[in-house]
Amino acid sequence: MAINKNHEFEELNGVKCGIVERNASEARCVFLRAILERNGYEVVVVPSPPPKGAPAPAEGETPPAPTSFTIGVTDYTFNTINAIFGRLLKDVNGNFVTWSYWNQETPVNDDTTPYYLAAKS
């Protein structure tokens, strides 16, 4: 059990992992996997469990394909907030990953402006 919401870990595919993000889309998984693997992390992606109260598929039916995924890294001490604001992650071009780039709010990673000076739009 995590001490706080910013540092979660659990077992994914039999491996204890630090949780990077839950309920991520497939495109988001591809984006984050590229960043995390570039920084030397081993990434584990598993389908997110269906929401509670969702009906189970009837016998003989194939369950629907997962639409969301849980992303984790095998370093269970990984903390997303510390990694981004501590400037520990770099993108594929070698620039430090910014908060807006991590959240895919900007298509280009601009690490020249500190996060505390970036204007909100």
C-alpha atoms as a PDB file:
ATOM      1  CA  MET A   1       0.000   0.000   0.000  1.00  0.00           C
ATOM      2  CA  ALA A   2       1.318   3.408  -0.903  1.00  0.00           C
ATOM      3  CA  ILE A   3       1.959   6.092   1.665  1.00  0.00           C
ATOM      4  CA  ASN A   4       0.376   8.685  -0.584  1.00  0.00           C
ATOM      5  CA  LYS A   5      -1.223   8.906  -4.009  1.00  0.00           C
ATOM      6  CA  ASN A   6       2.030  10.057  -5.648  1.00  0.00           C
ATOM      7  CA  HIS A   7       3.954   6.892  -4.856  1.00  0.00           C
ATOM      8  CA  GLU A   8       1.948   3.798  -5.705  1.00  0.00           C
ATOM      9  CA  PHE A   9       3.267   0.337  -6.385  1.00  0.00           C
ATOM     10  CA  GLU A  10       1.722  -3.046  -7.010  1.00  0.00           C
ATOM     11  CA  GLU A  11       2.411  -6.335  -8.718  1.00  0.00           C
ATOM     12  CA  LEU A  12       1.908  -6.318 -12.504  1.00  0.00           C
ATOM     13  CA  ASN A  13       2.383  -9.612 -14.378  1.00  0.00           C
ATOM     14  CA  GLY A  14       4.087 -11.072 -11.316  1.00  0.00           C
ATOM     15  CA  VAL A  15       6.624  -8.219 -11.017  1.00  0.00           C
ATOM     16  CA  LYS A  16       6.548  -5.575  -8.277  1.00  0.00           C
ATOM     17  CA  CYS A  17       6.260  -2.261 -10.130  1.00  0.00           C
ATOM     18  CA  GLY A  18       6.030   1.434  -9.398  1.00  0.00           C
ATOM     19  CA  ILE A  19       2.802   2.676 -10.980  1.00  0.00           C
ATOM     20  CA  VAL A  20       3.346   5.410 -13.539  1.00  0.00           C
ATOM     21  CA  GLU A  21      -0.252   5.848 -14.698  1.00  0.00           C
ATOM     22  CA  ARG A  22      -3.593   4.067 -14.521  1.00  0.00           C
ATOM     23  CA  ASN A  23      -6.367   3.971 -17.128  1.00  0.00           C
ATOM     24  CA  ALA A  24      -4.081   5.154 -19.920  1.00  0.00           C
ATOM     25  CA  SER A  25      -5.076   4.844 -23.566  1.00  0.00           C
ATOM     26  CA  GLU A  26      -3.054   2.772 -26.001  1.00  0.00           C
ATOM     27  CA  ALA A  27      -1.571   5.916 -27.607  1.00  0.00           C
ATOM     28  CA  ARG A  28      -0.584   7.224 -24.179  1.00  0.00           C
ATOM     29  CA  CYS A  29       1.123   3.892 -23.419  1.00  0.00           C
ATOM     30  CA  VAL A  30       3.231   4.200 -26.564  1.00  0.00           C
ATOM     31  CA  PHE A  31       4.179   7.799 -25.681  1.00  0.00           C
ATOM     32  CA  LEU A  32       5.157   7.035 -22.079  1.00  0.00           C
ATOM     33  CA  ARG A  33       6.929   3.781 -22.961  1.00  0.00           C
ATOM     34  CA  ALA A  34       9.232   5.683 -25.346  1.00  0.00           C
ATOM     35  CA  ILE A  35      10.176   8.196 -22.644  1.00  0.00           C
ATOM     36  CA  LEU A  36      10.618   5.645 -19.870  1.00  0.00           C
ATOM     37  CA  GLU A  37      12.636   3.169 -21.939  1.00  0.00           C
ATOM     38  CA  ARG A  38      14.846   6.038 -23.175  1.00  0.00           C
ATOM     39  CA  ASN A  39      15.665   6.662 -19.496  1.00  0.00           C
ATOM     40  CA  GLY A  40      16.563   3.054 -18.767  1.00  0.00           C
ATOM     41  CA  TYR A  41      13.365   1.854 -17.095  1.00  0.00           C
ATOM     42  CA  GLU A  42      11.829  -1.524 -17.832  1.00  0.00           C
ATOM     43  CA  VAL A  43       8.167  -0.832 -18.600  1.00  0.00           C
ATOM     44  CA  VAL A  44       5.295  -3.204 -17.803  1.00  0.00           C
ATOM     45  CA  VAL A  45       1.870  -2.523 -19.344  1.00  0.00           C
ATOM     46  CA  VAL A  46      -1.212  -4.530 -18.370  1.00  0.00           C
ATOM     47  CA  PRO A  47      -4.901  -4.041 -19.164  1.00  0.00           C
ATOM     48  CA  SER A  48      -6.716  -2.114 -16.453  1.00  0.00           C
ATOM     49  CA  PRO A  49      -9.400  -4.098 -14.674  1.00  0.00           C
ATOM     50  CA  PRO A  50     -12.974  -3.315 -15.744  1.00  0.00           C
ATOM     51  CA  PRO A  51     -14.792  -0.801 -13.573  1.00  0.00           C
ATOM     52  CA  LYS A  52     -16.601  -2.190 -10.569  1.00  0.00           C
ATOM     53  CA  GLY A  53     -20.201  -3.016 -11.329  1.00  0.00           C
ATOM     54  CA  ALA A  54     -19.522  -3.708 -15.008  1.00  0.00           C
ATOM     55  CA  PRO A  55     -21.410  -6.763 -16.229  1.00  0.00           C
ATOM     56  CA  ALA A  56     -19.309  -9.862 -16.836  1.00  0.00           C
ATOM     57  CA  PRO A  57     -19.436 -11.294 -20.360  1.00  0.00           C
ATOM     58  CA  ALA A  58     -21.864 -14.188 -20.813  1.00  0.00           C
ATOM     59  CA  GLU A  59     -20.538 -17.705 -21.218  1.00  0.00           C
ATOM     60  CA  GLY A  60     -19.189 -18.328 -24.688  1.00  0.00           C
ATOM     61  CA  GLU A  61     -18.715 -14.625 -25.413  1.00  0.00           C
ATOM     62  CA  THR A  62     -15.268 -13.191 -25.814  1.00  0.00           C
ATOM     63  CA  PRO A  63     -14.570 -10.326 -23.446  1.00  0.00           C
ATOM     64  CA  PRO A  64     -14.141  -6.937 -25.124  1.00  0.00           C
ATOM     65  CA  ALA A  65     -10.614  -5.767 -25.875  1.00  0.00           C
ATOM     66  CA  PRO A  66      -9.180  -3.597 -23.101  1.00  0.00           C
ATOM     67  CA  THR A  67      -9.534   0.112 -23.686  1.00  0.00           C
ATOM     68  CA  SER A  68      -7.343   1.297 -20.838  1.00  0.00           C
ATOM     69  CA  PHE A  69      -4.062   0.133 -19.414  1.00  0.00           C
ATOM     70  CA  THR A  70      -1.977   0.401 -16.260  1.00  0.00           C
ATOM     71  CA  ILE A  71       1.628   1.433 -16.873  1.00  0.00           C
ATOM     72  CA  GLY A  72       4.354   0.544 -14.404  1.00  0.00           C
ATOM     73  CA  VAL A  73       8.140   0.335 -14.210  1.00  0.00           C
ATOM     74  CA  THR A  74      10.087  -2.412 -12.480  1.00  0.00           C
ATOM     75  CA  ASP A  75      11.801   0.176 -10.260  1.00  0.00           C
ATOM     76  CA  TYR A  76       9.113   0.305  -7.572  1.00  0.00           C
ATOM     77  CA  THR A  77      10.705   3.401  -6.029  1.00  0.00           C
ATOM     78  CA  PHE A  78       9.863   5.406  -9.178  1.00  0.00           C
ATOM     79  CA  ASN A  79       7.827   8.530  -8.485  1.00  0.00           C
ATOM     80  CA  THR A  80       6.489  10.432 -11.493  1.00  0.00           C
ATOM     81  CA  ILE A  81       6.363  13.823  -9.771  1.00  0.00           C
ATOM     82  CA  ASN A  82       9.922  13.581  -8.450  1.00  0.00           C
ATOM     83  CA  ALA A  83      11.220  12.337 -11.795  1.00  0.00           C
ATOM     84  CA  ILE A  84       9.704  15.217 -13.786  1.00  0.00           C
ATOM     85  CA  PHE A  85      10.308  18.137 -11.419  1.00  0.00           C
ATOM     86  CA  GLY A  86      13.678  16.733 -10.363  1.00  0.00           C
ATOM     87  CA  ARG A  87      14.644  16.795 -14.069  1.00  0.00           C
ATOM     88  CA  LEU A  88      15.523  13.105 -14.066  1.00  0.00           C
ATOM     89  CA  LEU A  89      13.730  12.177 -17.310  1.00  0.00           C
ATOM     90  CA  LYS A  90      14.823  13.070 -20.832  1.00  0.00           C
ATOM     91  CA  ASP A  91      12.848  12.791 -24.043  1.00  0.00           C
ATOM     92  CA  VAL A  92      14.089  11.010 -27.177  1.00  0.00           C
ATOM     93  CA  ASN A  93      15.937  14.193 -28.257  1.00  0.00           C
ATOM     94  CA  GLY A  94      17.849  14.485 -24.966  1.00  0.00           C
ATOM     95  CA  ASN A  95      15.846  17.415 -23.517  1.00  0.00           C
ATOM     96  CA  PHE A  96      14.512  17.271 -19.972  1.00  0.00           C
ATOM     97  CA  VAL A  97      10.854  16.230 -19.876  1.00  0.00           C
ATOM     98  CA  THR A  98       8.559  19.044 -18.759  1.00  0.00           C
ATOM     99  CA  TRP A  99       5.209  18.670 -17.018  1.00  0.00           C
ATOM    100  CA  SER A 100       3.248  19.947 -20.018  1.00  0.00           C
ATOM    101  CA  TYR A 101       5.083  17.561 -22.363  1.00  0.00           C
ATOM    102  CA  TRP A 102       4.498  14.611 -20.004  1.00  0.00           C
ATOM    103  CA  ASN A 103       0.771  15.426 -19.969  1.00  0.00           C
ATOM    104  CA  GLN A 104       0.861  15.827 -23.770  1.00  0.00           C
ATOM    105  CA  GLU A 105      -0.406  19.406 -23.550  1.00  0.00           C
ATOM    106  CA  THR A 106       2.366  20.572 -25.881  1.00  0.00           C
ATOM    107  CA  PRO A 107       3.536  18.583 -28.910  1.00  0.00           C
ATOM    108  CA  VAL A 108       7.137  19.785 -28.554  1.00  0.00           C
ATOM    109  CA  ASN A 109       9.201  19.481 -25.389  1.00  0.00           C
ATOM    110  CA  ASP A 110      10.546  22.938 -24.470  1.00  0.00           C
ATOM    111  CA  ASP A 111      12.753  22.604 -21.409  1.00  0.00           C
ATOM    112  CA  THR A 112      14.153  26.148 -21.651  1.00  0.00           C
ATOM    113  CA  THR A 113      11.324  27.720 -19.609  1.00  0.00           C
ATOM    114  CA  PRO A 114      11.126  26.526 -15.979  1.00  0.00           C
ATOM    115  CA  TYR A 115       7.763  25.057 -14.990  1.00  0.00           C
ATOM    116  CA  TYR A 116       7.181  27.797 -12.407  1.00  0.00           C
ATOM    117  CA  LEU A 117       7.473  30.528 -15.072  1.00  0.00           C
ATOM    118  CA  ALA A 118       5.375  28.799 -17.740  1.00  0.00           C
ATOM    119  CA  ALA A 119       2.188  30.733 -18.467  1.00  0.00           C
ATOM    120  CA  LYS A 120      -1.096  28.884 -18.168  1.00  0.00           C
ATOM    121  CA  SER A 121      -3.244  29.158 -21.253  1.00  0.00           C
END
